[in-house]
């Protein structure tokens, strides 16, 4: 993994709200923005912004179904990232 990719991952993980999102998705396996924003008590818009960062870093995958987006943990995460998330 290149340094820039690692930096992007660590920056994405370096936020309490994004960690709460990951914990929620880890438990649920999949969730939409509304479910996530309600669970972490954050606005829909702010939650969407955090989800975009996690998708951009390759931590989450986004599946689009019409107007809804479903988020899940990325299947392509490296072993290091999986170990980090397993401690959540």
N, C-alpha and C. Protein backbone atom coordinates (compact mmCIF):
# COMPACT_ATOMS: atom_id res chain seq x y z
N UNK A 1 0.84 -1.17 0.00
CA UNK A 1 0.00 0.00 0.00
C UNK A 1 0.89 1.24 0.00
N UNK A 2 0.57 2.19 -0.85
CA UNK A 2 1.37 3.40 -0.95
C UNK A 2 1.10 4.33 0.22
N UNK A 3 2.07 5.22 0.47
CA UNK A 3 1.96 6.15 1.60
C UNK A 3 0.72 7.03 1.51
N UNK A 4 0.39 7.51 0.31
CA UNK A 4 -0.78 8.38 0.14
C UNK A 4 -2.07 7.63 0.47
N UNK A 5 -2.14 6.36 0.07
CA UNK A 5 -3.33 5.55 0.38
C UNK A 5 -3.46 5.34 1.88
N UNK A 6 -2.35 5.04 2.53
CA UNK A 6 -2.36 4.85 3.98
C UNK A 6 -2.77 6.13 4.69
N UNK A 7 -2.24 7.26 4.22
CA UNK A 7 -2.58 8.55 4.82
C UNK A 7 -4.08 8.80 4.72
N UNK A 8 -4.66 8.51 3.57
CA UNK A 8 -6.09 8.71 3.35
C UNK A 8 -6.91 7.83 4.30
N UNK A 9 -6.49 6.59 4.47
CA UNK A 9 -7.19 5.66 5.37
C UNK A 9 -7.11 6.15 6.81
N UNK A 10 -5.91 6.52 7.25
CA UNK A 10 -5.75 6.95 8.64
C UNK A 10 -6.48 8.27 8.91
N UNK A 11 -6.51 9.16 7.94
CA UNK A 11 -7.28 10.39 8.11
C UNK A 11 -8.77 10.09 8.22
N UNK A 12 -9.23 9.15 7.42
CA UNK A 12 -10.64 8.77 7.48
C UNK A 12 -10.98 8.13 8.82
N UNK A 13 -10.06 7.37 9.37
CA UNK A 13 -10.30 6.71 10.66
C UNK A 13 -10.07 7.65 11.85
N UNK A 14 -9.48 8.79 11.59
CA UNK A 14 -9.12 9.72 12.66
C UNK A 14 -10.24 10.67 13.08
N UNK A 15 -11.47 10.24 12.94
CA UNK A 15 -12.61 11.07 13.31
C UNK A 15 -13.61 10.23 14.10
N UNK A 16 -14.04 10.74 15.24
CA UNK A 16 -14.93 10.00 16.13
C UNK A 16 -16.25 9.62 15.45
N UNK A 17 -16.83 10.52 14.68
CA UNK A 17 -18.10 10.22 13.99
C UNK A 17 -17.94 9.11 12.97
N UNK A 18 -16.83 9.13 12.24
CA UNK A 18 -16.61 8.08 11.25
C UNK A 18 -16.35 6.74 11.93
N UNK A 19 -15.72 6.76 13.08
CA UNK A 19 -15.55 5.51 13.85
C UNK A 19 -16.90 4.98 14.32
N UNK A 20 -17.79 5.88 14.75
CA UNK A 20 -19.14 5.46 15.13
C UNK A 20 -19.89 4.85 13.95
N UNK A 21 -19.71 5.42 12.78
CA UNK A 21 -20.33 4.88 11.56
C UNK A 21 -19.81 3.47 11.31
N UNK A 22 -18.50 3.28 11.41
CA UNK A 22 -17.92 1.96 11.16
C UNK A 22 -18.39 0.93 12.18
N UNK A 23 -18.49 1.34 13.43
CA UNK A 23 -18.97 0.42 14.47
C UNK A 23 -20.41 0.00 14.15
N UNK A 24 -21.24 0.97 13.77
CA UNK A 24 -22.63 0.68 13.43
C UNK A 24 -22.73 -0.27 12.24
N UNK A 25 -21.98 0.02 11.18
CA UNK A 25 -22.04 -0.82 9.98
C UNK A 25 -21.44 -2.20 10.25
N UNK A 26 -20.42 -2.25 11.08
CA UNK A 26 -19.84 -3.55 11.42
C UNK A 26 -20.88 -4.44 12.10
N UNK A 27 -21.69 -3.87 12.97
CA UNK A 27 -22.74 -4.62 13.67
C UNK A 27 -23.88 -5.01 12.73
N UNK A 28 -24.29 -4.06 11.88
CA UNK A 28 -25.46 -4.27 11.01
C UNK A 28 -25.14 -4.93 9.68
N UNK A 29 -23.89 -4.91 9.29
CA UNK A 29 -23.41 -5.41 7.98
C UNK A 29 -23.71 -4.44 6.85
N UNK A 30 -24.93 -3.90 6.78
CA UNK A 30 -25.32 -2.94 5.74
C UNK A 30 -26.28 -1.94 6.35
N UNK A 31 -26.25 -0.70 5.85
CA UNK A 31 -27.18 0.32 6.33
C UNK A 31 -27.26 1.47 5.34
N UNK A 32 -28.39 2.19 5.38
CA UNK A 32 -28.52 3.37 4.54
C UNK A 32 -28.22 4.62 5.37
N UNK A 33 -28.15 5.76 4.71
CA UNK A 33 -27.76 7.01 5.37
C UNK A 33 -28.72 7.35 6.51
N UNK A 34 -30.00 7.18 6.30
CA UNK A 34 -30.98 7.51 7.32
C UNK A 34 -30.79 6.69 8.59
N UNK A 35 -30.56 5.39 8.42
CA UNK A 35 -30.34 4.52 9.58
C UNK A 35 -29.08 4.92 10.34
N UNK A 36 -28.04 5.22 9.57
CA UNK A 36 -26.75 5.58 10.18
C UNK A 36 -26.87 6.92 10.90
N UNK A 37 -27.48 7.92 10.25
CA UNK A 37 -27.58 9.25 10.87
C UNK A 37 -28.41 9.20 12.14
N UNK A 38 -29.45 8.39 12.16
CA UNK A 38 -30.27 8.24 13.36
C UNK A 38 -29.48 7.56 14.48
N UNK A 39 -28.72 6.53 14.12
CA UNK A 39 -27.96 5.78 15.12
C UNK A 39 -26.85 6.62 15.76
N UNK A 40 -26.19 7.46 14.97
CA UNK A 40 -25.08 8.24 15.51
C UNK A 40 -25.49 9.66 15.90
N UNK A 41 -26.79 9.95 15.74
CA UNK A 41 -27.35 11.25 16.13
C UNK A 41 -26.64 12.42 15.46
N UNK A 42 -26.63 12.35 14.12
CA UNK A 42 -26.01 13.37 13.30
C UNK A 42 -26.94 13.65 12.13
N UNK A 43 -26.90 14.85 11.59
CA UNK A 43 -27.78 15.19 10.47
C UNK A 43 -27.48 14.31 9.25
N UNK A 44 -28.50 14.18 8.41
CA UNK A 44 -28.39 13.40 7.19
C UNK A 44 -27.24 13.91 6.32
N UNK A 45 -27.16 15.23 6.18
CA UNK A 45 -26.14 15.85 5.33
C UNK A 45 -24.73 15.59 5.86
N UNK A 46 -24.52 15.77 7.16
CA UNK A 46 -23.20 15.53 7.76
C UNK A 46 -22.82 14.05 7.69
N UNK A 47 -23.80 13.19 7.91
CA UNK A 47 -23.54 11.74 7.81
C UNK A 47 -23.12 11.39 6.39
N UNK A 48 -23.81 11.94 5.41
CA UNK A 48 -23.46 11.68 4.01
C UNK A 48 -22.03 12.11 3.70
N UNK A 49 -21.63 13.25 4.25
CA UNK A 49 -20.27 13.74 4.04
C UNK A 49 -19.24 12.77 4.62
N UNK A 50 -19.50 12.29 5.84
CA UNK A 50 -18.59 11.33 6.47
C UNK A 50 -18.55 10.01 5.68
N UNK A 51 -19.69 9.58 5.19
CA UNK A 51 -19.74 8.34 4.40
C UNK A 51 -18.94 8.49 3.10
N UNK A 52 -19.01 9.64 2.49
CA UNK A 52 -18.24 9.89 1.25
C UNK A 52 -16.75 9.76 1.51
N UNK A 53 -16.30 10.26 2.64
CA UNK A 53 -14.88 10.16 2.99
C UNK A 53 -14.47 8.70 3.18
N UNK A 54 -15.32 7.93 3.86
CA UNK A 54 -15.02 6.52 4.09
C UNK A 54 -15.04 5.71 2.79
N UNK A 55 -15.95 6.05 1.89
CA UNK A 55 -15.99 5.38 0.59
C UNK A 55 -14.75 5.75 -0.22
N UNK A 56 -14.40 7.03 -0.22
CA UNK A 56 -13.22 7.50 -0.96
C UNK A 56 -11.94 6.84 -0.48
N UNK A 57 -11.87 6.55 0.82
CA UNK A 57 -10.68 5.90 1.38
C UNK A 57 -10.68 4.39 1.14
N UNK A 58 -11.77 3.87 0.58
CA UNK A 58 -11.84 2.44 0.30
C UNK A 58 -12.25 1.60 1.50
N UNK A 59 -12.73 2.24 2.54
CA UNK A 59 -13.12 1.53 3.76
C UNK A 59 -14.54 1.00 3.64
N UNK A 60 -15.41 1.77 3.00
CA UNK A 60 -16.79 1.35 2.79
C UNK A 60 -17.07 1.20 1.30
N UNK A 61 -18.07 0.38 1.00
CA UNK A 61 -18.59 0.25 -0.35
C UNK A 61 -19.99 0.84 -0.37
N UNK A 62 -20.35 1.42 -1.49
CA UNK A 62 -21.67 2.04 -1.65
C UNK A 62 -22.38 1.37 -2.81
N UNK A 63 -23.57 0.84 -2.52
CA UNK A 63 -24.41 0.25 -3.57
C UNK A 63 -25.64 1.13 -3.72
N UNK A 64 -25.90 1.55 -4.96
CA UNK A 64 -27.02 2.45 -5.24
C UNK A 64 -28.22 1.64 -5.69
N UNK A 65 -29.36 1.86 -5.03
CA UNK A 65 -30.62 1.23 -5.39
C UNK A 65 -31.66 2.33 -5.55
N UNK A 66 -31.81 2.82 -6.77
CA UNK A 66 -32.72 3.93 -7.01
C UNK A 66 -32.24 5.16 -6.26
N UNK A 67 -33.08 5.68 -5.38
CA UNK A 67 -32.71 6.87 -4.60
C UNK A 67 -31.93 6.53 -3.34
N UNK A 68 -31.85 5.26 -3.00
CA UNK A 68 -31.19 4.84 -1.76
C UNK A 68 -29.79 4.32 -2.01
N UNK A 69 -28.91 4.63 -1.09
CA UNK A 69 -27.55 4.08 -1.09
C UNK A 69 -27.40 3.20 0.13
N UNK A 70 -26.85 2.03 -0.08
CA UNK A 70 -26.60 1.09 1.01
C UNK A 70 -25.09 0.99 1.18
N UNK A 71 -24.64 1.14 2.42
CA UNK A 71 -23.21 1.12 2.72
C UNK A 71 -22.86 -0.15 3.47
N UNK A 72 -21.69 -0.69 3.16
CA UNK A 72 -21.17 -1.87 3.84
C UNK A 72 -19.65 -1.76 3.88
N UNK A 73 -19.03 -2.57 4.73
CA UNK A 73 -17.57 -2.58 4.80
C UNK A 73 -17.01 -3.11 3.48
N UNK A 74 -15.94 -2.51 3.03
CA UNK A 74 -15.32 -2.88 1.76
C UNK A 74 -14.75 -4.29 1.82
N UNK A 75 -15.00 -5.04 0.78
CA UNK A 75 -14.45 -6.40 0.66
C UNK A 75 -12.96 -6.36 0.35
N UNK A 76 -12.50 -5.24 -0.17
CA UNK A 76 -11.11 -5.13 -0.62
C UNK A 76 -10.18 -4.52 0.42
N UNK A 77 -10.64 -4.42 1.66
CA UNK A 77 -9.77 -3.85 2.70
C UNK A 77 -8.58 -4.76 2.93
N UNK A 78 -7.46 -4.13 3.21
CA UNK A 78 -6.27 -4.90 3.52
C UNK A 78 -6.36 -5.53 4.91
N UNK A 79 -5.50 -6.49 5.17
CA UNK A 79 -5.50 -7.18 6.47
C UNK A 79 -5.30 -6.20 7.62
N UNK A 80 -4.46 -5.21 7.42
CA UNK A 80 -4.20 -4.25 8.48
C UNK A 80 -5.48 -3.52 8.88
N UNK A 81 -6.24 -3.07 7.92
CA UNK A 81 -7.46 -2.34 8.20
C UNK A 81 -8.49 -3.26 8.84
N UNK A 82 -8.56 -4.50 8.41
CA UNK A 82 -9.48 -5.46 9.02
C UNK A 82 -9.14 -5.68 10.49
N UNK A 83 -7.87 -5.73 10.81
CA UNK A 83 -7.47 -5.89 12.21
C UNK A 83 -7.86 -4.67 13.04
N UNK A 84 -7.70 -3.49 12.46
CA UNK A 84 -8.08 -2.27 13.17
C UNK A 84 -9.58 -2.29 13.46
N UNK A 85 -10.39 -2.62 12.44
CA UNK A 85 -11.84 -2.62 12.61
C UNK A 85 -12.30 -3.75 13.55
N UNK A 86 -11.56 -4.82 13.62
CA UNK A 86 -11.97 -5.92 14.51
C UNK A 86 -11.88 -5.52 15.97
N UNK A 87 -11.10 -4.49 16.27
CA UNK A 87 -11.00 -4.05 17.65
C UNK A 87 -12.11 -3.07 18.03
N UNK A 88 -12.94 -2.67 17.08
CA UNK A 88 -14.03 -1.73 17.37
C UNK A 88 -15.19 -2.43 18.04
